[in-house]
Amino acid sequence: FTRLDVERSWRGHCRSDYVRVMVGNVGWRVCGDELPAPMRLRGDSFRVDFHSDAVNHGAGFELAFSCKGDPATPAPTPVPAPCTDKVRADGAAFHISAGRRFSCAYFEERTEDRCARFGGGKYAVDGVTAQEACCACGGGSA
């Protein structure tokens, strides 16, 4: 990271706004304004996601990377546009009808089963489901 100004961590969990770097199934969340130590990633691909609850915010982040290895290695695939979870019409964070604790952050913890079980129409709020509102469930907005 060359610049970092993302909403600070809440109780050390980087739940509201964060940058997530994924290599396979292993990931790191970064938030706040202190630059982390340089990361050395091994493998043929990695993913960078930005998550925001759209409530408080900072100036954003900037990162730079370089690839070392065989010069015949093809150029890396461009990183897709970041996804942002949708918010309710009143500006509050989205949650399903089961209660406020079932927000998009809830679905990020165990995406594979929670989105399928609780992300559909039965739990919609104002006609919107987690599958439509939450990036973790394939919704949100780019």
Protein backbone atom coordinates (compact mmCIF):
# COMPACT_ATOMS: atom_id res chain seq x y z
CA PHE A 1 0.00 0.00 0.00
CA THR A 2 1.28 3.45 -0.85
CA ARG A 3 -1.67 5.33 0.70
CA LEU A 4 -4.36 4.23 3.14
CA ASP A 5 -7.24 6.20 4.61
CA VAL A 6 -10.16 3.84 5.19
CA GLU A 7 -12.57 3.99 8.14
CA ARG A 8 -10.83 2.83 11.30
CA SER A 9 -11.35 -0.61 12.77
CA TRP A 10 -14.19 -1.18 15.20
CA ARG A 11 -12.90 -3.31 18.07
CA GLY A 12 -10.01 -4.47 15.89
CA HIS A 13 -12.15 -6.29 13.32
CA CYS A 14 -12.12 -4.02 10.22
CA ARG A 15 -15.86 -4.67 9.73
CA SER A 16 -17.26 -1.41 8.32
CA ASP A 17 -14.79 -0.30 5.63
CA TYR A 18 -11.73 -2.29 4.64
CA VAL A 19 -9.48 -3.47 1.83
CA ARG A 20 -9.19 -7.25 1.58
CA VAL A 21 -6.29 -8.96 -0.20
CA MET A 22 -6.92 -12.62 -1.06
CA VAL A 23 -4.48 -15.28 -2.24
CA GLY A 24 -6.48 -18.46 -2.76
CA ASN A 25 -8.50 -19.00 0.42
CA VAL A 26 -6.19 -16.90 2.62
CA GLY A 27 -6.90 -13.22 3.11
CA TRP A 28 -5.94 -10.10 5.04
CA ARG A 29 -8.16 -7.13 5.93
CA VAL A 30 -6.61 -3.68 6.16
CA CYS A 31 -8.32 -0.56 7.51
CA GLY A 32 -7.52 2.72 9.26
CA ASP A 33 -4.73 5.03 8.13
CA GLU A 34 -1.55 3.21 9.13
CA LEU A 35 0.25 1.63 6.19
CA PRO A 36 0.78 -2.10 6.68
CA ALA A 37 4.16 -3.69 6.06
CA PRO A 38 4.80 -4.59 2.40
CA MET A 39 3.16 -7.89 1.44
CA ARG A 40 4.97 -10.59 -0.50
CA LEU A 41 2.45 -12.82 -2.17
CA ARG A 42 3.22 -16.14 -3.82
CA GLY A 43 1.08 -17.75 -6.44
CA ASP A 44 -0.26 -17.06 -9.87
CA SER A 45 -3.08 -14.74 -8.80
CA PHE A 46 -4.43 -12.57 -6.01
CA ARG A 47 -7.56 -10.51 -5.49
CA VAL A 48 -8.12 -7.08 -3.94
CA ASP A 49 -11.63 -6.11 -2.76
CA PHE A 50 -12.83 -2.91 -1.15
CA HIS A 51 -15.82 -3.04 1.20
CA SER A 52 -17.70 -0.05 2.57
CA ASP A 53 -20.81 0.27 4.70
CA ALA A 54 -21.30 3.74 3.11
CA VAL A 55 -21.65 5.43 6.51
CA ASN A 56 -18.26 6.93 7.45
CA HIS A 57 -15.37 7.08 5.04
CA GLY A 58 -11.82 8.19 4.45
CA ALA A 59 -10.00 9.32 1.32
CA GLY A 60 -9.46 5.75 0.09
CA PHE A 61 -6.39 3.71 -0.70
CA GLU A 62 -3.73 3.25 -3.30
CA LEU A 63 -1.49 0.28 -3.88
CA ALA A 64 1.24 -0.68 -6.24
CA PHE A 65 2.47 -4.13 -7.16
CA SER A 66 5.13 -5.72 -9.26
CA CYS A 67 5.56 -9.25 -10.53
CA LYS A 68 8.81 -11.14 -10.44
CA GLY A 69 9.34 -14.38 -12.26
CA ASP A 70 9.56 -15.79 -15.75
CA PRO A 71 9.54 -12.92 -18.31
CA ALA A 72 7.26 -15.06 -20.50
CA THR A 73 4.55 -14.93 -17.81
CA PRO A 74 1.43 -13.22 -19.19
CA ALA A 75 0.31 -9.88 -17.79
CA PRO A 76 -1.92 -10.10 -14.71
CA THR A 77 -5.69 -10.01 -15.16
CA PRO A 78 -7.12 -6.57 -14.32
CA VAL A 79 -8.75 -6.28 -10.92
CA PRO A 80 -12.54 -5.94 -11.21
CA ALA A 81 -14.25 -2.78 -10.00
CA PRO A 82 -14.81 -2.78 -6.23
CA CYS A 83 -18.23 -3.78 -4.98
CA THR A 84 -20.18 -1.79 -2.40
CA ASP A 85 -23.02 -3.25 -0.34
CA LYS A 86 -26.29 -1.44 -0.95
CA VAL A 87 -27.88 0.58 1.85
CA ARG A 88 -31.54 1.01 2.73
CA ALA A 89 -33.58 3.95 1.44
CA ASP A 90 -33.10 5.73 4.80
CA GLY A 91 -29.30 5.40 4.47
CA ALA A 92 -28.99 2.70 7.16
CA ALA A 93 -26.95 -0.44 6.52
CA PHE A 94 -28.92 -3.27 4.89
CA HIS A 95 -30.02 -6.21 7.04
CA ILE A 96 -32.45 -9.04 6.48
CA SER A 97 -35.83 -9.26 8.22
CA ALA A 98 -34.43 -11.53 10.97
CA GLY A 99 -32.80 -8.47 12.61
CA ARG A 100 -30.05 -5.86 12.44
CA ARG A 101 -27.28 -8.29 13.35
CA PHE A 102 -27.93 -10.07 10.04
CA SER A 103 -26.27 -7.38 7.92
CA CYS A 104 -24.03 -7.86 4.89
CA ALA A 105 -21.08 -8.37 7.28
CA TYR A 106 -22.91 -11.44 8.64
CA PHE A 107 -23.02 -12.96 5.17
CA GLU A 108 -19.29 -12.33 4.57
CA GLU A 109 -18.31 -14.61 7.44
CA ARG A 110 -19.62 -17.83 5.85
CA THR A 111 -20.81 -16.84 2.39
CA GLU A 112 -21.34 -20.31 0.94
CA ASP A 113 -24.14 -21.43 3.26
CA ARG A 114 -25.57 -18.18 4.64
CA CYS A 115 -26.32 -16.59 1.27
CA ALA A 116 -28.14 -19.71 0.08
CA ARG A 117 -30.09 -20.25 3.31
CA PHE A 118 -30.99 -16.69 4.34
CA GLY A 119 -30.25 -14.47 1.33
CA GLY A 120 -33.48 -15.03 -0.59
CA GLY A 121 -36.99 -13.56 -0.72
CA LYS A 122 -38.26 -15.01 2.56
CA TYR A 123 -35.96 -12.61 4.46
CA ALA A 124 -36.35 -9.55 2.19
CA VAL A 125 -36.64 -6.07 3.69
CA ASP A 126 -38.53 -3.49 1.61
CA GLY A 127 -38.46 -6.00 -1.27
CA VAL A 128 -34.65 -6.28 -1.26
CA THR A 129 -32.81 -9.52 -0.44
CA ALA A 130 -29.24 -10.10 0.72
CA GLN A 131 -28.57 -11.71 -2.68
CA GLU A 132 -29.37 -8.30 -4.21
CA ALA A 133 -27.86 -6.00 -1.55
CA CYS A 134 -24.70 -7.74 -0.33
CA CYS A 135 -21.50 -8.13 -2.33
CA ALA A 136 -20.74 -11.37 -0.46
CA CYS A 137 -23.93 -12.88 -1.94
CA GLY A 138 -23.35 -11.63 -5.49
CA GLY A 139 -25.34 -8.39 -5.11
CA GLY A 140 -24.22 -4.89 -4.20
CA SER A 141 -23.05 -2.36 -6.77
CA ALA A 142 -19.77 -1.86 -8.57
